[in-house]
Amino acid sequence: QLQLVESGGGLVQPGGSLRLSCAASGSTLDHYNIGWFRQAPGKEREGVSCISSSGDSTSYADSVKGRFTISRDNVKNTVYLQMNSLKPEDTGVYYCAAEFGVLTVQRMCVTQIYDYWGQGTQVTVSS
């Protein structure tokens, strides 16, 4: 059974950076699409950035384009989210999720598609 564990969250000032990690166990990530999602208090969970199982395709929410970068290291069985120029509105619990198989770019960051979820890591952007 695939298990995902996020790390790297914390408190950071506006304009700062964080790198989130999503480490997998129980299975290799080679054939899984991986997504980063976030949920702010009182809001629905939203897709932030997703990467295809091959690593060839990525997707970003408009609000994070140019600031966040998703990457994967299949040797380390880990996916990363580099977050730069952080804003207070980036605050929330960040979850990584995995879905086996091939997804189109249009479906890659759809929350309901993902079957495997981590427990989340808190990111707070505040001065």
Protein backbone atom coordinates (compact mmCIF):
# COMPACT_ATOMS: atom_id res chain seq x y z
CA GLN A 1 0.00 0.00 0.00
CA LEU A 2 1.41 3.34 -1.06
CA GLN A 3 1.98 5.79 1.79
CA LEU A 4 2.94 9.44 1.42
CA VAL A 5 4.56 11.69 4.01
CA GLU A 6 4.94 15.43 3.52
CA SER A 7 7.59 17.56 5.19
CA GLY A 8 9.16 20.98 4.89
CA GLY A 9 6.31 23.20 5.99
CA GLY A 10 6.68 25.99 8.50
CA LEU A 11 6.38 29.69 9.20
CA VAL A 12 7.96 32.04 6.67
CA GLN A 13 7.81 35.76 6.02
CA PRO A 14 6.24 37.13 2.84
CA GLY A 15 8.73 36.91 0.00
CA GLY A 16 10.45 33.91 1.55
CA SER A 17 10.87 30.38 0.26
CA LEU A 18 10.13 26.85 1.36
CA ARG A 19 10.69 23.46 -0.22
CA LEU A 20 8.13 20.79 0.50
CA SER A 21 8.95 17.11 0.13
CA CYS A 22 6.63 14.19 -0.42
CA ALA A 23 8.31 10.89 0.40
CA ALA A 24 6.68 7.65 -0.65
CA SER A 25 6.90 4.18 0.85
CA GLY A 26 5.22 0.87 0.15
CA SER A 27 5.59 1.31 -3.61
CA THR A 28 7.71 3.14 -6.13
CA LEU A 29 6.31 6.34 -7.62
CA ASP A 30 7.38 5.55 -11.17
CA HIS A 31 3.86 5.06 -12.50
CA TYR A 32 2.06 7.59 -10.33
CA ASN A 33 0.98 11.09 -11.10
CA ILE A 34 1.71 13.30 -8.10
CA GLY A 35 -0.16 16.39 -7.06
CA TRP A 36 0.31 19.07 -4.45
CA PHE A 37 -2.93 20.43 -3.06
CA ARG A 38 -3.62 22.97 -0.35
CA GLN A 39 -6.49 23.85 1.90
CA ALA A 40 -6.86 27.18 3.64
CA PRO A 41 -9.19 27.61 6.63
CA GLY A 42 -12.80 27.76 5.46
CA LYS A 43 -11.91 26.98 1.87
CA GLU A 44 -12.05 23.91 -0.32
CA ARG A 45 -8.95 21.93 -1.13
CA GLU A 46 -7.42 23.14 -4.38
CA GLY A 47 -4.80 21.87 -6.78
CA VAL A 48 -1.54 23.80 -6.60
CA SER A 49 0.79 21.87 -8.87
CA CYS A 50 0.85 18.41 -10.38
CA ILE A 51 3.31 16.29 -12.34
CA SER A 52 2.67 13.36 -14.62
CA SER A 53 3.92 9.85 -13.97
CA SER A 54 6.54 10.31 -16.69
CA GLY A 55 7.56 13.71 -15.41
CA ASP A 56 7.05 15.16 -18.88
CA SER A 57 3.98 17.20 -18.01
CA THR A 58 3.31 19.63 -15.21
CA SER A 59 0.39 21.78 -14.22
CA TYR A 60 0.23 24.87 -12.03
CA ALA A 61 -2.58 26.92 -10.57
CA ASP A 62 -2.58 30.43 -12.02
CA SER A 63 -1.95 31.86 -8.57
CA VAL A 64 1.42 30.09 -8.25
CA LYS A 65 2.76 30.15 -11.81
CA GLY A 66 6.25 31.58 -11.94
CA ARG A 67 6.73 31.14 -8.19
CA PHE A 68 6.35 27.41 -7.53
CA THR A 69 8.17 24.52 -9.19
CA ILE A 70 7.28 20.86 -8.93
CA SER A 71 9.85 18.14 -9.53
CA ARG A 72 10.26 14.45 -8.92
CA ASP A 73 13.17 12.18 -8.11
CA ASN A 74 12.12 8.62 -8.77
CA VAL A 75 15.41 7.26 -7.42
CA LYS A 76 14.67 8.85 -4.06
CA ASN A 77 10.96 8.10 -4.46
CA THR A 78 10.24 11.71 -3.58
CA VAL A 79 8.43 14.65 -5.12
CA TYR A 80 9.26 18.25 -4.28
CA LEU A 81 7.50 21.58 -4.40
CA GLN A 82 9.83 24.57 -4.42
CA MET A 83 7.89 27.63 -3.32
CA ASN A 84 9.42 31.07 -3.84
CA SER A 85 8.12 34.61 -3.34
CA LEU A 86 5.57 33.33 -0.87
CA LYS A 87 2.50 35.40 -0.13
CA PRO A 88 0.12 35.37 2.85
CA GLU A 89 -2.55 33.85 0.59
CA ASP A 90 -0.32 30.79 0.14
CA THR A 91 -1.03 29.89 3.76
CA GLY A 92 -2.70 26.53 4.29
CA VAL A 93 -2.20 22.84 4.81
CA TYR A 94 -0.35 21.34 1.87
CA TYR A 95 -1.04 17.76 0.89
CA CYS A 96 0.61 15.54 -1.65
CA ALA A 97 -1.41 12.92 -3.43
CA ALA A 98 -0.78 10.12 -5.90
CA GLU A 99 -2.80 8.56 -8.68
CA PHE A 100 -1.67 5.57 -10.71
CA GLY A 101 -1.61 5.64 -14.48
CA VAL A 102 -1.79 8.22 -17.23
CA LEU A 103 -3.74 11.45 -16.84
CA THR A 104 -4.30 14.22 -19.32
CA VAL A 105 -3.01 17.65 -18.40
CA GLN A 106 -6.60 18.81 -17.98
CA ARG A 107 -7.32 16.16 -15.36
CA MET A 108 -3.92 16.08 -13.68
CA CYS A 109 -4.79 18.47 -10.84
CA VAL A 110 -8.38 17.42 -10.21
CA THR A 111 -8.65 16.69 -6.49
CA GLN A 112 -11.27 13.97 -6.74
CA ILE A 113 -9.16 11.83 -9.03
CA TYR A 114 -6.43 11.14 -6.49
CA ASP A 115 -6.65 8.01 -4.36
CA TYR A 116 -3.61 8.24 -2.09
CA TRP A 117 -3.05 11.18 0.24
CA GLY A 118 -0.51 12.25 2.81
CA GLN A 119 -1.38 13.75 6.17
CA GLY A 120 -0.43 17.29 5.18
CA THR A 121 2.09 19.89 6.29
CA GLN A 122 1.23 23.40 7.48
CA VAL A 123 2.59 26.39 5.59
CA THR A 124 2.09 29.79 7.18
CA VAL A 125 3.20 32.97 5.43
CA SER A 126 3.09 35.88 7.81
CA SER A 127 5.19 38.77 9.02
